[in-house]
Protein backbone atom coordinates (compact mmCIF):
# COMPACT_ATOMS: atom_id res chain seq x y z
CA MET A 1 86.80 146.44 107.62
CA ILE A 2 83.49 147.71 106.28
CA VAL A 3 80.36 149.20 107.81
CA LEU A 4 76.76 149.51 106.65
CA GLU A 5 75.58 153.09 106.33
CA LYS A 6 71.84 153.78 106.34
CA ARG A 7 70.64 155.44 103.14
CA PRO A 8 68.47 158.58 103.51
CA GLN A 9 66.01 156.93 101.10
CA PRO A 10 65.82 153.39 99.68
CA SER A 11 67.84 153.04 96.48
CA ARG A 12 65.59 152.78 93.44
CA PHE A 13 68.44 151.26 91.42
CA TRP A 14 69.14 148.44 93.89
CA SER A 15 65.44 147.82 94.36
CA TYR A 16 65.28 146.65 90.74
CA ALA A 17 68.86 145.36 90.44
CA THR A 18 68.70 143.06 93.49
CA PRO A 19 66.53 140.33 91.86
CA VAL A 20 68.83 140.23 88.82
CA ALA A 21 71.93 140.10 91.02
CA ALA A 22 70.33 137.34 93.12
CA VAL A 23 69.65 135.23 90.02
CA LEU A 24 73.24 135.68 88.80
CA ALA A 25 74.66 134.84 92.24
CA THR A 26 72.46 131.75 92.37
CA MET A 27 73.80 130.62 89.01
CA VAL A 28 77.41 131.08 90.17
CA PHE A 29 77.10 129.34 93.53
CA GLY A 30 74.66 126.78 92.14
CA GLY A 31 77.29 125.96 89.54
CA LEU A 32 79.82 125.42 92.34
CA LEU A 33 77.32 123.10 94.05
CA PHE A 34 76.85 121.07 90.88
CA ALA A 35 80.63 120.94 90.36
CA ALA A 36 81.02 119.57 93.89
CA LEU A 37 78.57 116.82 92.90
CA GLY A 38 80.78 115.93 89.95
CA LYS A 39 78.67 117.58 87.23
CA ASN A 40 79.71 120.13 84.64
CA PRO A 41 78.33 123.40 86.09
CA ALA A 42 77.86 125.08 82.69
CA VAL A 43 75.94 122.08 81.37
CA ALA A 44 73.80 121.88 84.54
CA ILE A 45 72.91 125.59 84.48
CA GLY A 46 72.21 125.41 80.76
CA THR A 47 69.98 122.39 81.24
CA ILE A 48 67.93 124.20 83.88
CA PHE A 49 67.51 127.56 82.14
CA TRP A 50 68.03 126.86 78.42
CA ASP A 51 66.65 123.43 77.59
CA PRO A 52 63.01 124.06 78.67
CA LEU A 53 62.85 127.10 76.37
CA PHE A 54 65.11 126.31 73.43
CA GLY A 55 66.15 122.67 73.77
CA GLU A 56 65.27 119.76 71.52
CA PHE A 57 61.99 119.07 73.31
CA ALA A 58 61.12 122.69 74.13
CA PHE A 59 57.79 122.35 72.30
CA TYR A 60 56.74 119.96 75.08
CA TYR A 61 58.29 121.82 78.02
CA ARG A 62 57.14 125.37 77.23
CA PRO A 63 53.45 124.71 77.99
CA GLN A 64 54.54 123.10 81.27
CA ILE A 65 56.00 126.44 82.36
CA LEU A 66 52.46 127.86 82.35
CA VAL A 67 51.17 124.82 84.24
CA LYS A 68 53.86 125.10 86.93
CA GLY A 69 53.86 128.88 87.08
CA ALA A 70 50.10 129.46 87.46
CA PRO A 71 49.74 128.21 91.08
CA LEU A 72 52.93 130.03 92.09
CA VAL A 73 51.65 133.33 90.69
CA LEU A 74 48.17 132.89 92.19
CA ILE A 75 49.52 132.18 95.67
CA ALA A 76 52.26 134.82 95.49
CA ILE A 77 49.82 137.56 94.46
CA GLY A 78 47.74 136.88 97.56
CA LEU A 79 50.79 136.75 99.81
CA SER A 80 52.17 140.00 98.39
CA LEU A 81 49.12 141.99 99.49
CA GLY A 82 49.67 140.95 103.09
CA PHE A 83 53.46 141.31 102.94
CA ARG A 84 53.08 144.88 101.67
CA ALA A 85 50.94 145.66 104.73
CA GLY A 86 53.24 143.86 107.17
CA ILE A 87 50.88 140.89 107.53
CA TRP A 88 52.89 137.67 107.24
CA ASN A 89 50.95 134.69 105.98
CA ILE A 90 53.48 131.83 105.95
CA GLY A 91 50.81 129.12 105.82
CA ALA A 92 49.74 129.34 102.17
CA GLU A 93 50.74 125.69 101.74
CA GLY A 94 48.00 124.68 104.19
CA GLN A 95 45.45 126.92 102.49
CA TYR A 96 46.46 125.41 99.14
CA ILE A 97 45.82 121.92 100.55
CA MET A 98 42.46 122.84 102.08
CA GLY A 99 41.32 124.50 98.85
CA ALA A 100 42.14 121.30 96.97
CA ILE A 101 40.31 119.13 99.52
CA ALA A 102 37.23 121.37 99.58
CA GLY A 103 37.07 121.81 95.80
CA ALA A 104 37.66 118.13 95.04
CA GLY A 105 35.11 117.20 97.71
CA VAL A 106 32.45 119.27 95.93
CA GLY A 107 33.20 117.57 92.62
CA LEU A 108 33.26 114.06 94.08
CA ALA A 109 29.98 114.69 95.89
CA PHE A 110 28.28 114.99 92.48
CA TYR A 111 29.98 111.95 90.92
CA PRO A 112 28.97 110.50 88.43
CA LEU A 113 26.58 113.32 87.45
CA GLU A 114 27.64 115.31 84.38
CA ALA A 115 26.51 118.96 84.55
CA TRP A 116 27.97 122.33 83.56
CA TYR A 117 27.64 123.85 87.03
CA ILE A 118 29.83 121.30 88.85
CA PHE A 119 33.19 122.87 88.02
CA PRO A 120 32.08 126.44 88.96
CA LEU A 121 30.88 125.05 92.31
CA MET A 122 34.26 123.37 92.74
CA VAL A 123 35.99 126.71 92.10
CA LEU A 124 33.80 128.34 94.74
CA GLY A 125 34.48 125.47 97.16
CA GLY A 126 38.24 125.72 96.62
CA ALA A 127 38.26 129.47 97.27
CA LEU A 128 36.12 129.08 100.40
CA GLY A 129 38.29 126.23 101.68
CA GLY A 130 41.47 128.30 101.46
CA TRP A 131 39.70 131.41 102.80
CA ALA A 132 38.32 129.55 105.83
CA TRP A 133 41.74 128.11 106.69
CA ALA A 134 43.33 131.57 106.45
CA MET A 135 40.61 133.03 108.67
CA ILE A 136 41.86 130.98 111.63
CA PRO A 137 45.11 132.95 112.06
CA ALA A 138 43.31 136.14 110.97
CA VAL A 139 40.62 135.93 113.64
CA LEU A 140 43.08 134.81 116.31
CA LYS A 141 45.31 137.78 115.53
CA VAL A 142 42.45 140.28 115.53
CA ARG A 143 40.77 138.86 118.62
CA PHE A 144 43.71 137.74 120.77
CA GLY A 145 46.77 139.34 119.18
CA THR A 146 48.43 136.03 118.29
CA ASN A 147 51.34 135.84 115.87
CA GLU A 148 50.00 135.05 112.39
CA ILE A 149 53.38 133.68 111.30
CA LEU A 150 53.37 130.88 113.88
CA VAL A 151 49.66 130.08 113.65
CA SER A 152 49.52 129.96 109.85
CA LEU A 153 52.70 127.88 109.71
CA MET A 154 51.49 125.34 112.27
CA LEU A 155 48.21 124.98 110.41
CA VAL A 156 50.19 123.70 107.41
CA TYR A 157 51.00 120.53 109.34
CA VAL A 158 47.39 120.15 110.43
CA ALA A 159 46.31 120.47 106.79
CA GLU A 160 48.85 117.82 105.76
CA GLN A 161 47.41 115.40 108.32
CA LEU A 162 43.89 116.13 107.04
CA LEU A 163 45.12 115.48 103.50
CA ALA A 164 46.49 112.08 104.54
CA SER A 165 43.29 111.30 106.40
CA MET A 166 41.13 112.16 103.38
CA SER A 167 43.36 110.14 101.04
CA LEU A 168 43.12 107.07 103.26
CA GLY A 169 39.55 107.50 104.44
CA LEU A 170 36.59 109.63 103.45
CA MET A 171 37.74 110.53 99.92
CA ARG A 172 39.48 107.27 99.02
CA ASN A 173 38.41 105.82 95.70
CA PRO A 174 36.03 102.89 96.43
CA GLU A 175 37.16 101.35 93.15
CA GLY A 176 40.86 101.88 93.85
CA HIS A 177 41.52 98.39 95.22
CA GLY A 178 42.56 99.76 98.60
CA PHE A 179 45.19 102.18 97.31
CA PRO A 180 45.17 105.66 98.95
CA GLY A 181 43.83 108.54 96.89
CA SER A 182 40.55 109.84 95.53
CA ARG A 183 38.94 109.19 92.17
CA ASN A 184 40.84 110.69 89.24
CA LEU A 185 39.11 113.96 88.36
CA GLN A 186 40.75 113.93 84.94
CA GLN A 187 38.39 111.09 84.07
CA TYR A 188 35.34 112.99 85.34
CA GLU A 189 34.58 115.46 82.56
CA SER A 190 32.43 117.89 84.55
CA ALA A 191 35.10 118.19 87.27
CA HIS A 192 38.19 118.26 85.08
CA ASN A 193 40.24 121.43 84.62
CA GLY A 194 41.43 120.59 81.13
CA GLU A 195 43.37 122.67 78.62
CA LEU A 196 41.38 125.47 77.02
CA ILE A 197 43.57 125.22 73.89
CA ALA A 198 45.02 121.80 73.19
CA GLY A 199 48.79 121.60 73.66
CA SER A 200 49.11 125.14 75.02
CA GLY A 201 49.17 124.40 78.74
CA MET A 202 46.49 127.07 79.17
CA HIS A 203 43.77 126.02 81.62
CA TRP A 204 41.44 127.94 83.94
CA GLY A 205 44.16 128.17 86.60
CA VAL A 206 46.45 130.01 84.19
CA ALA A 207 43.62 132.37 83.26
CA ALA A 208 42.91 132.98 86.96
CA ALA A 209 46.59 133.80 87.56
CA PHE A 210 46.54 136.50 84.85
CA ILE A 211 43.27 137.88 86.23
CA ALA A 212 44.79 137.99 89.75
CA VAL A 213 47.78 139.96 88.44
CA ILE A 214 45.49 142.53 86.82
CA PHE A 215 43.25 142.71 89.90
CA ALA A 216 46.21 143.24 92.24
CA TYR A 217 47.74 145.91 90.00
CA VAL A 218 44.48 147.88 89.82
CA LEU A 219 43.88 147.45 93.56
CA LEU A 220 47.32 148.68 94.58
CA ASN A 221 47.51 151.58 92.14
CA ARG A 222 43.93 152.73 91.57
CA HIS A 223 41.97 151.97 94.74
CA MET A 224 41.89 153.49 98.21
CA LEU A 225 42.21 150.05 99.81
CA GLY A 226 45.44 149.50 97.92
CA PHE A 227 46.70 152.86 99.20
CA HIS A 228 45.88 151.76 102.75
CA ILE A 229 47.78 148.50 102.21
CA ARG A 230 50.88 150.31 100.95
CA LEU A 231 50.65 153.02 103.62
CA THR A 232 50.34 150.49 106.44
CA GLY A 233 53.45 148.67 105.30
CA GLU A 234 55.54 151.79 104.72
CA ALA A 235 54.35 154.02 107.59
CA PRO A 236 52.16 152.27 110.20
CA ARG A 237 51.80 155.39 112.38
CA ALA A 238 50.73 157.50 109.42
CA ALA A 239 48.22 154.80 108.48
CA ARG A 240 46.59 155.03 111.90
CA PHE A 241 46.27 158.79 111.53
CA ALA A 242 44.77 158.25 108.06
CA GLY A 243 41.97 156.18 109.58
CA VAL A 244 43.15 152.74 108.51
CA ARG A 245 41.54 149.98 110.59
CA PRO A 246 44.20 147.31 111.19
CA SER A 247 41.69 144.56 112.02
CA ARG A 248 39.83 144.97 108.72
CA LEU A 249 43.10 145.04 106.81
CA ILE A 250 44.26 141.82 108.49
CA LEU A 251 41.01 140.04 107.68
CA PHE A 252 41.06 141.26 104.08
CA CYS A 253 44.71 140.44 103.32
CA LEU A 254 44.69 137.02 104.95
CA GLY A 255 41.29 136.23 103.45
CA VAL A 256 42.35 137.12 99.90
CA SER A 257 45.65 135.26 100.18
CA GLY A 258 43.85 132.20 101.55
CA ALA A 259 41.22 132.27 98.81
CA LEU A 260 43.82 132.57 96.04
CA ALA A 261 45.89 129.75 97.56
CA GLY A 262 42.73 127.64 97.77
CA LEU A 263 41.98 128.36 94.11
CA ALA A 264 45.49 127.29 93.19
CA GLY A 265 44.94 124.03 95.03
CA LEU A 266 41.60 123.42 93.30
CA PHE A 267 42.93 124.13 89.79
CA GLU A 268 45.88 121.81 90.47
CA VAL A 269 43.85 118.89 91.84
CA ALA A 270 41.26 119.19 89.06
CA GLY A 271 43.95 119.52 86.39
CA PRO A 272 47.59 118.39 86.40
CA ALA A 273 47.48 116.40 89.67
CA GLY A 274 44.07 114.87 89.01
CA GLN A 275 43.35 113.49 92.46
CA ILE A 276 43.74 113.93 96.19
CA THR A 277 46.73 111.90 97.37
CA ILE A 278 48.96 111.82 100.45
CA ASP A 279 51.76 113.60 98.57
CA PHE A 280 49.52 116.00 96.63
CA ASN A 281 51.27 119.12 97.94
CA ILE A 282 54.76 119.67 96.56
CA GLY A 283 55.66 122.95 98.26
CA TYR A 284 53.97 125.53 96.03
CA GLY A 285 52.84 127.50 99.09
CA PHE A 286 56.40 127.91 100.37
CA THR A 287 57.98 128.47 96.95
CA ALA A 288 55.44 131.25 96.33
CA ILE A 289 57.12 133.23 99.14
CA ILE A 290 60.32 133.25 97.05
CA VAL A 291 58.27 134.28 93.99
CA ALA A 292 56.62 137.16 95.89
CA PHE A 293 59.93 138.64 97.06
CA LEU A 294 61.75 137.93 93.81
CA GLY A 295 58.99 139.92 92.09
CA ARG A 296 59.46 142.77 94.60
CA LEU A 297 55.85 142.31 95.77
CA HIS A 298 54.74 143.92 92.49
CA PRO A 299 52.06 142.09 90.43
CA VAL A 300 53.98 142.27 87.14
CA GLY A 301 57.22 141.34 88.88
CA ILE A 302 55.50 138.35 90.46
CA LEU A 303 54.25 137.22 87.04
CA LEU A 304 57.82 137.25 85.72
CA ALA A 305 59.24 135.66 88.87
CA GLY A 306 56.62 132.91 88.72
CA GLY A 307 57.70 132.10 85.19
CA LEU A 308 61.36 132.02 86.27
CA MET A 309 60.65 129.73 89.21
CA ALA A 310 58.53 127.46 87.01
CA LEU A 311 61.50 127.33 84.65
CA THR A 312 63.70 126.04 87.49
CA TYR A 313 61.08 123.38 88.28
CA ILE A 314 60.97 122.12 84.69
CA GLY A 315 64.71 122.52 84.15
CA GLY A 316 65.40 120.81 87.46
CA GLU A 317 63.35 117.81 86.42
CA ILE A 318 65.25 117.64 83.12
CA ALA A 319 68.57 117.90 84.97
CA GLN A 320 67.56 115.08 87.31
CA GLY A 321 66.70 112.83 84.36
CA ASN A 322 69.52 113.75 81.97
CA LEU A 323 72.37 114.54 84.35
CA GLY A 324 71.47 112.44 87.38
CA LEU A 325 71.34 115.42 89.74
CA PRO A 326 69.58 114.60 93.03
CA ALA A 327 66.25 116.32 93.73
CA ALA A 328 67.71 117.75 96.96
CA ALA A 329 70.35 119.62 94.94
CA ILE A 330 67.65 121.29 92.85
CA GLN A 331 65.79 122.29 96.03
CA VAL A 332 69.01 123.77 97.45
CA PHE A 333 69.49 125.64 94.18
CA GLN A 334 66.00 127.14 94.48
CA GLY A 335 66.61 127.98 98.14
CA MET A 336 69.79 129.84 97.19
CA LEU A 337 67.65 132.22 95.17
CA LEU A 338 65.76 133.40 98.26
CA PHE A 339 68.94 133.48 100.34
CA PHE A 340 70.77 135.74 97.89
CA LEU A 341 67.68 137.86 97.34
CA LEU A 342 67.37 138.58 101.05
CA ALA A 343 71.11 139.03 101.49
CA LEU A 344 71.53 141.44 98.58
CA ASP A 345 68.33 143.29 99.42
CA ILE A 346 70.21 145.00 102.23
CA LEU A 347 71.83 147.18 99.55
CA THR A 348 68.45 148.79 98.94
CA ASN A 349 68.50 150.47 102.35
CA TYR A 350 72.22 150.51 103.22
CA ARG A 351 75.51 151.51 101.63
CA ILE A 352 78.69 149.53 102.15
CA ARG A 353 81.43 151.87 103.36
CA PRO A 354 85.03 151.17 104.42
CA ARG A 355 85.52 151.72 108.14
CA LYS A 356 87.67 154.75 108.87
CA SER A 357 90.66 154.00 111.02
CA GLU A 358 90.59 155.79 114.36
CA VAL A 359 93.52 157.83 115.51
CA ALA A 360 94.82 156.73 118.88
């Protein structure tokens, strides 16, 4: 029998070792999952983690890691600010959708005009769309004390219904022969988020992700607001004595996370996705939660975790095509990563001790 013994202080070693241990545990148990599906586990794991970087067609897949990783990093950076302060925005997927709808709507409103200012206005519209959607749970929490977890999560399903409505109605391509979906923004030069360097995968969304990492690092380590965010999460009572205003912090953290999620949606719809469709959202908002915790809520850690998660996306697609693995198995594999991260994270605050036998 074993017991968990509270550590006097969180373990610095396990704080950094937990993500690595979680990745290794995911590989082991993911391999068992693939073996149960009749696949060679070593080949499956190698296909997911090795082939996108060093395989035969790595020259094609490497740029895709930037494309897939950028929205994850953008959303996760915003979420991490709130998570550090104990503010739980679980509805980034809805804010991502609303940012895409608002940004694409701005671009389509100008169609077929070609002008330099259209894409900057789309960026502004995407940020405002995500920000406005995040302000709903923020204002309700500040004004009525509602639970931001439930409200933000329920708003995801509202956003999905709005997405379907826009795809079938107001934003449907009039030249699309009745098929759902908006005009293809990749064919509208002024509204297209194309590659900045051909063949590199680098577009404005990737640049925004790097800027967000730098901004978050400076905010958390060099600014009083960042100190308030960290203090509120680590010692709420001390934060109140330090003059931190919880309502302002809630509005700021939810607003920033919503705006960054909205930007991610805009850069995706104007770039890789190309158009508003019923199935536009593919779970970036939820996967970004894994990225945020895998990166230990640290900007640089999130950048690395976003790249790792993007690698599993690309590698998972290769495994589906080459090995015939079902998409659900890849999703379970990604979910294992969060499960093991949360499970092993207990070692940061607790020691495992054998239970001493009691003398009768």
